[in-house]
Amino acid sequence: MQRQPLPPAAGPDTSPDSWMDAALAEHLQTQAWLENLGPMPMNLGLRGLMWLLRIYVLFMITVVGVNVAQLWR
């Protein structure tokens, strides 16, 4: 993990806006790059895993629902 660089010391040739503009430009460049990223393609194994997890969640919701219904009877 990189540490954030400290702003340059105030001097005759540096203004507070110069290092802020540089940091903002880097931020805007990274933001534009992230916005252009599309969704990651899923291979067959990952797609199958996602469907298995969906089925598992539906099954567990049904099991919990049946247990709650039996508890109230």
C-alpha atoms as a PDB file:
ATOM      1  CA  MET A   1       0.000   0.000   0.000  1.00  0.00           C
ATOM      2  CA  GLN A   2       1.484   3.292  -1.046  1.00  0.00           C
ATOM      3  CA  ARG A   3       1.500   6.280   1.198  1.00  0.00           C
ATOM      4  CA  GLN A   4       0.000   9.484  -0.105  1.00  0.00           C
ATOM      5  CA  PRO A   5       2.663  12.035  -1.023  1.00  0.00           C
ATOM      6  CA  LEU A   6       2.808  15.136   1.066  1.00  0.00           C
ATOM      7  CA  PRO A   7       2.036  18.428  -0.623  1.00  0.00           C
ATOM      8  CA  PRO A   8       5.136  20.394  -1.551  1.00  0.00           C
ATOM      9  CA  ALA A   9       6.319  23.040   0.834  1.00  0.00           C
ATOM     10  CA  ALA A  10       5.155  26.518  -0.039  1.00  0.00           C
ATOM     11  CA  GLY A  11       7.804  28.358  -1.973  1.00  0.00           C
ATOM     12  CA  PRO A  12       8.125  31.023  -4.598  1.00  0.00           C
ATOM     13  CA  ASP A  13       7.476  28.666  -7.534  1.00  0.00           C
ATOM     14  CA  THR A  14       4.780  26.425  -6.040  1.00  0.00           C
ATOM     15  CA  SER A  15       1.245  27.449  -5.380  1.00  0.00           C
ATOM     16  CA  PRO A  16      -1.268  25.453  -3.358  1.00  0.00           C
ATOM     17  CA  ASP A  17      -3.345  24.976  -6.493  1.00  0.00           C
ATOM     18  CA  SER A  18      -0.563  23.324  -8.524  1.00  0.00           C
ATOM     19  CA  TRP A  19      -0.286  20.124  -6.474  1.00  0.00           C
ATOM     20  CA  MET A  20      -4.059  20.040  -5.960  1.00  0.00           C
ATOM     21  CA  ASP A  21      -4.589  20.280  -9.717  1.00  0.00           C
ATOM     22  CA  ALA A  22      -2.129  17.434 -10.277  1.00  0.00           C
ATOM     23  CA  ALA A  23      -3.899  15.244  -7.713  1.00  0.00           C
ATOM     24  CA  LEU A  24      -7.303  16.111  -9.165  1.00  0.00           C
ATOM     25  CA  ALA A  25      -6.121  15.342 -12.704  1.00  0.00           C
ATOM     26  CA  GLU A  26      -4.939  11.903 -11.591  1.00  0.00           C
ATOM     27  CA  HIS A  27      -8.261  11.307  -9.846  1.00  0.00           C
ATOM     28  CA  LEU A  28     -10.254  12.328 -12.930  1.00  0.00           C
ATOM     29  CA  GLN A  29      -8.097  10.103 -15.153  1.00  0.00           C
ATOM     30  CA  THR A  30      -8.667   7.108 -12.873  1.00  0.00           C
ATOM     31  CA  GLN A  31     -12.395   7.844 -12.669  1.00  0.00           C
ATOM     32  CA  ALA A  32     -12.673   7.970 -16.474  1.00  0.00           C
ATOM     33  CA  TRP A  33     -10.789   4.652 -16.733  1.00  0.00           C
ATOM     34  CA  LEU A  34     -13.102   3.004 -14.194  1.00  0.00           C
ATOM     35  CA  GLU A  35     -16.219   4.270 -15.962  1.00  0.00           C
ATOM     36  CA  ASN A  36     -15.048   2.693 -19.231  1.00  0.00           C
ATOM     37  CA  LEU A  37     -14.675  -0.746 -17.663  1.00  0.00           C
ATOM     38  CA  GLY A  38     -17.415  -3.101 -18.670  1.00  0.00           C
ATOM     39  CA  PRO A  39     -18.716  -6.114 -16.816  1.00  0.00           C
ATOM     40  CA  MET A  40     -16.275  -8.975 -16.504  1.00  0.00           C
ATOM     41  CA  PRO A  41     -17.219 -11.921 -18.740  1.00  0.00           C
ATOM     42  CA  MET A  42     -18.283 -15.003 -16.788  1.00  0.00           C
ATOM     43  CA  ASN A  43     -17.077 -18.418 -17.854  1.00  0.00           C
ATOM     44  CA  LEU A  44     -19.268 -21.512 -17.658  1.00  0.00           C
ATOM     45  CA  GLY A  45     -18.014 -22.558 -14.204  1.00  0.00           C
ATOM     46  CA  LEU A  46     -18.714 -19.190 -12.626  1.00  0.00           C
ATOM     47  CA  ARG A  47     -22.131 -18.969 -14.263  1.00  0.00           C
ATOM     48  CA  GLY A  48     -22.991 -22.452 -12.944  1.00  0.00           C
ATOM     49  CA  LEU A  49     -21.819 -21.502  -9.461  1.00  0.00           C
ATOM     50  CA  MET A  50     -24.016 -18.404  -9.492  1.00  0.00           C
ATOM     51  CA  TRP A  51     -27.078 -20.487 -10.428  1.00  0.00           C
ATOM     52  CA  LEU A  52     -26.284 -23.051  -7.731  1.00  0.00           C
ATOM     53  CA  LEU A  53     -26.054 -20.276  -5.156  1.00  0.00           C
ATOM     54  CA  ARG A  54     -29.402 -18.842  -6.296  1.00  0.00           C
ATOM     55  CA  ILE A  55     -31.042 -22.266  -5.989  1.00  0.00           C
ATOM     56  CA  TYR A  56     -29.445 -22.750  -2.548  1.00  0.00           C
ATOM     57  CA  VAL A  57     -30.777 -19.398  -1.322  1.00  0.00           C
ATOM     58  CA  LEU A  58     -34.297 -20.220  -2.535  1.00  0.00           C
ATOM     59  CA  PHE A  59     -34.092 -23.651  -0.883  1.00  0.00           C
ATOM     60  CA  MET A  60     -32.945 -22.159   2.428  1.00  0.00           C
ATOM     61  CA  ILE A  61     -35.705 -19.522   2.355  1.00  0.00           C
ATOM     62  CA  THR A  62     -38.200 -22.374   1.907  1.00  0.00           C
ATOM     63  CA  VAL A  63     -36.656 -24.362   4.777  1.00  0.00           C
ATOM     64  CA  VAL A  64     -36.764 -21.376   7.115  1.00  0.00           C
ATOM     65  CA  GLY A  65     -40.338 -20.603   6.064  1.00  0.00           C
ATOM     66  CA  VAL A  66     -41.443 -24.182   6.789  1.00  0.00           C
ATOM     67  CA  ASN A  67     -39.697 -24.138  10.183  1.00  0.00           C
ATOM     68  CA  VAL A  68     -41.330 -20.837  11.142  1.00  0.00           C
ATOM     69  CA  ALA A  69     -44.733 -22.169  10.052  1.00  0.00           C
ATOM     70  CA  GLN A  70     -44.235 -25.335  12.159  1.00  0.00           C
ATOM     71  CA  LEU A  71     -43.142 -23.252  15.131  1.00  0.00           C
ATOM     72  CA  TRP A  72     -46.343 -21.178  15.060  1.00  0.00           C
ATOM     73  CA  ARG A  73     -48.644 -24.213  14.914  1.00  0.00           C
END
